[in-house]
Amino acid sequence: ASCSLPAAAGLYYLAELIEEYTVVTRRIIKYMIW
């Protein structure tokens, strides 16, 4: 139970990072297409 909190925090941080990366990548692709 002591290591579940940092694991959840790391997973949440990773999800936020991936979401931000996909948004930036989609913006770049849209900019390249137009």
PDB file of N, CA and C in Angstrom:
ATOM      1  N   ALA A   1       0.835  -1.205   0.000  1.00  0.00           N
ATOM      2  CA  ALA A   1       0.000   0.000   0.000  1.00  0.00           C
ATOM      3  C   ALA A   1       0.870   1.255   0.000  1.00  0.00           C
ATOM      4  N   SER A   2       2.095   1.117   0.466  1.00  0.00           N
ATOM      5  CA  SER A   2       2.965   2.290   0.573  1.00  0.00           C
ATOM      6  C   SER A   2       3.500   2.723  -0.788  1.00  0.00           C
ATOM      7  N   CYS A   3       3.588   1.790  -1.743  1.00  0.00           N
ATOM      8  CA  CYS A   3       4.168   2.119  -3.048  1.00  0.00           C
ATOM      9  C   CYS A   3       3.095   2.348  -4.102  1.00  0.00           C
ATOM     10  N   SER A   4       1.814   2.231  -3.722  1.00  0.00           N
ATOM     11  CA  SER A   4       0.745   2.399  -4.708  1.00  0.00           C
ATOM     12  C   SER A   4       0.534   3.872  -5.053  1.00  0.00           C
ATOM     13  N   LEU A   5       0.769   4.758  -4.083  1.00  0.00           N
ATOM     14  CA  LEU A   5       0.568   6.189  -4.329  1.00  0.00           C
ATOM     15  C   LEU A   5       1.588   6.754  -5.317  1.00  0.00           C
ATOM     16  N   PRO A   6       2.886   6.520  -5.151  1.00  0.00           N
ATOM     17  CA  PRO A   6       3.854   7.011  -6.156  1.00  0.00           C
ATOM     18  C   PRO A   6       3.632   6.388  -7.527  1.00  0.00           C
ATOM     19  N   ALA A   7       3.200   5.128  -7.562  1.00  0.00           N
ATOM     20  CA  ALA A   7       2.952   4.474  -8.846  1.00  0.00           C
ATOM     21  C   ALA A   7       1.786   5.150  -9.564  1.00  0.00           C
ATOM     22  N   ALA A   8       0.730   5.463  -8.814  1.00  0.00           N
ATOM     23  CA  ALA A   8      -0.426   6.129  -9.409  1.00  0.00           C
ATOM     24  C   ALA A   8      -0.057   7.538  -9.860  1.00  0.00           C
ATOM     25  N   ALA A   9       0.769   8.216  -9.059  1.00  0.00           N
ATOM     26  CA  ALA A   9       1.197   9.569  -9.416  1.00  0.00           C
ATOM     27  C   ALA A   9       2.044   9.542 -10.686  1.00  0.00           C
ATOM     28  N   GLY A  10       2.937   8.558 -10.792  1.00  0.00           N
ATOM     29  CA  GLY A  10       3.774   8.433 -11.983  1.00  0.00           C
ATOM     30  C   GLY A  10       2.951   8.093 -13.206  1.00  0.00           C
ATOM     31  N   LEU A  11       1.953   7.241 -13.022  1.00  0.00           N
ATOM     32  CA  LEU A  11       1.095   6.860 -14.142  1.00  0.00           C
ATOM     33  C   LEU A  11       0.280   8.063 -14.614  1.00  0.00           C
ATOM     34  N   TYR A  12      -0.225   8.854 -13.661  1.00  0.00           N
ATOM     35  CA  TYR A  12      -0.987  10.050 -14.005  1.00  0.00           C
ATOM     36  C   TYR A  12      -0.112  11.060 -14.739  1.00  0.00           C
ATOM     37  N   TYR A  13       1.134  11.215 -14.268  1.00  0.00           N
ATOM     38  CA  TYR A  13       2.063  12.144 -14.912  1.00  0.00           C
ATOM     39  C   TYR A  13       2.380  11.678 -16.323  1.00  0.00           C
ATOM     40  N   LEU A  14       2.543  10.366 -16.499  1.00  0.00           N
ATOM     41  CA  LEU A  14       2.848   9.813 -17.815  1.00  0.00           C
ATOM     42  C   LEU A  14       1.670  10.030 -18.763  1.00  0.00           C
ATOM     43  N   ALA A  15       0.446   9.852 -18.254  1.00  0.00           N
ATOM     44  CA  ALA A  15      -0.740  10.052 -19.084  1.00  0.00           C
ATOM     45  C   ALA A  15      -0.859  11.514 -19.512  1.00  0.00           C
ATOM     46  N   GLU A  16      -0.574  12.429 -18.588  1.00  0.00           N
ATOM     47  CA  GLU A  16      -0.614  13.858 -18.915  1.00  0.00           C
ATOM     48  C   GLU A  16       0.423  14.194 -19.975  1.00  0.00           C
ATOM     49  N   LEU A  17       1.616  13.606 -19.846  1.00  0.00           N
ATOM     50  CA  LEU A  17       2.694  13.874 -20.792  1.00  0.00           C
ATOM     51  C   LEU A  17       2.332  13.348 -22.178  1.00  0.00           C
ATOM     52  N   ILE A  18       1.749  12.143 -22.230  1.00  0.00           N
ATOM     53  CA  ILE A  18       1.368  11.549 -23.514  1.00  0.00           C
ATOM     54  C   ILE A  18       0.258  12.372 -24.165  1.00  0.00           C
ATOM     55  N   GLU A  19      -0.700  12.822 -23.360  1.00  0.00           N
ATOM     56  CA  GLU A  19      -1.802  13.619 -23.907  1.00  0.00           C
ATOM     57  C   GLU A  19      -1.283  14.929 -24.491  1.00  0.00           C
ATOM     58  N   GLU A  20      -0.374  15.570 -23.767  1.00  0.00           N
ATOM     59  CA  GLU A  20       0.184  16.831 -24.249  1.00  0.00           C
ATOM     60  C   GLU A  20       0.993  16.599 -25.524  1.00  0.00           C
ATOM     61  N   TYR A  21       1.720  15.480 -25.571  1.00  0.00           N
ATOM     62  CA  TYR A  21       2.535  15.172 -26.748  1.00  0.00           C
ATOM     63  C   TYR A  21       1.656  14.916 -27.966  1.00  0.00           C
ATOM     64  N   THR A  22       0.536  14.204 -27.771  1.00  0.00           N
ATOM     65  CA  THR A  22      -0.346  13.921 -28.901  1.00  0.00           C
ATOM     66  C   THR A  22      -1.015  15.198 -29.404  1.00  0.00           C
ATOM     67  N   VAL A  23      -1.353  16.109 -28.495  1.00  0.00           N
ATOM     68  CA  VAL A  23      -1.961  17.377 -28.907  1.00  0.00           C
ATOM     69  C   VAL A  23      -0.976  18.190 -29.735  1.00  0.00           C
ATOM     70  N   VAL A  24       0.270  18.254 -29.284  1.00  0.00           N
ATOM     71  CA  VAL A  24       1.296  19.004 -30.016  1.00  0.00           C
ATOM     72  C   VAL A  24       1.565  18.353 -31.370  1.00  0.00           C
ATOM     73  N   THR A  25       1.626  17.024 -31.396  1.00  0.00           N
ATOM     74  CA  THR A  25       1.883  16.312 -32.651  1.00  0.00           C
ATOM     75  C   THR A  25       0.740  16.528 -33.637  1.00  0.00           C
ATOM     76  N   ARG A  26      -0.499  16.495 -33.131  1.00  0.00           N
ATOM     77  CA  ARG A  26      -1.658  16.710 -34.000  1.00  0.00           C
ATOM     78  C   ARG A  26      -1.641  18.125 -34.567  1.00  0.00           C
ATOM     79  N   ARG A  27      -1.220  19.096 -33.742  1.00  0.00           N
ATOM     80  CA  ARG A  27      -1.146  20.487 -34.191  1.00  0.00           C
ATOM     81  C   ARG A  27      -0.087  20.633 -35.277  1.00  0.00           C
ATOM     82  N   ILE A  28       1.043  19.951 -35.103  1.00  0.00           N
ATOM     83  CA  ILE A  28       2.118  20.022 -36.103  1.00  0.00           C
ATOM     84  C   ILE A  28       1.666  19.373 -37.408  1.00  0.00           C
ATOM     85  N   ILE A  29       0.981  18.231 -37.302  1.00  0.00           N
ATOM     86  CA  ILE A  29       0.503  17.546 -38.512  1.00  0.00           C
ATOM     87  C   ILE A  29      -0.519  18.419 -39.237  1.00  0.00           C
ATOM     88  N   LYS A  30      -1.410  19.032 -38.473  1.00  0.00           N
ATOM     89  CA  LYS A  30      -2.419  19.900 -39.085  1.00  0.00           C
ATOM     90  C   LYS A  30      -1.754  21.089 -39.760  1.00  0.00           C
ATOM     91  N   TYR A  31      -0.690  21.615 -39.140  1.00  0.00           N
ATOM     92  CA  TYR A  31       0.031  22.753 -39.713  1.00  0.00           C
ATOM     93  C   TYR A  31       0.755  22.336 -40.990  1.00  0.00           C
ATOM     94  N   MET A  32       1.271  21.111 -41.022  1.00  0.00           N
ATOM     95  CA  MET A  32       1.989  20.636 -42.207  1.00  0.00           C
ATOM     96  C   MET A  32       1.033  20.350 -43.358  1.00  0.00           C
ATOM     97  N   ILE A  33      -0.174  19.864 -43.030  1.00  0.00           N
ATOM     98  CA  ILE A  33      -1.146  19.550 -44.081  1.00  0.00           C
ATOM     99  C   ILE A  33      -1.655  20.835 -44.727  1.00  0.00           C
ATOM    100  N   TRP A  34      -1.974  21.838 -43.902  1.00  0.00           N
ATOM    101  CA  TRP A  34      -2.528  23.071 -44.455  1.00  0.00           C
ATOM    102  C   TRP A  34      -1.436  23.929 -45.027  1.00  0.00           C
TER     103      TRP A  34
END
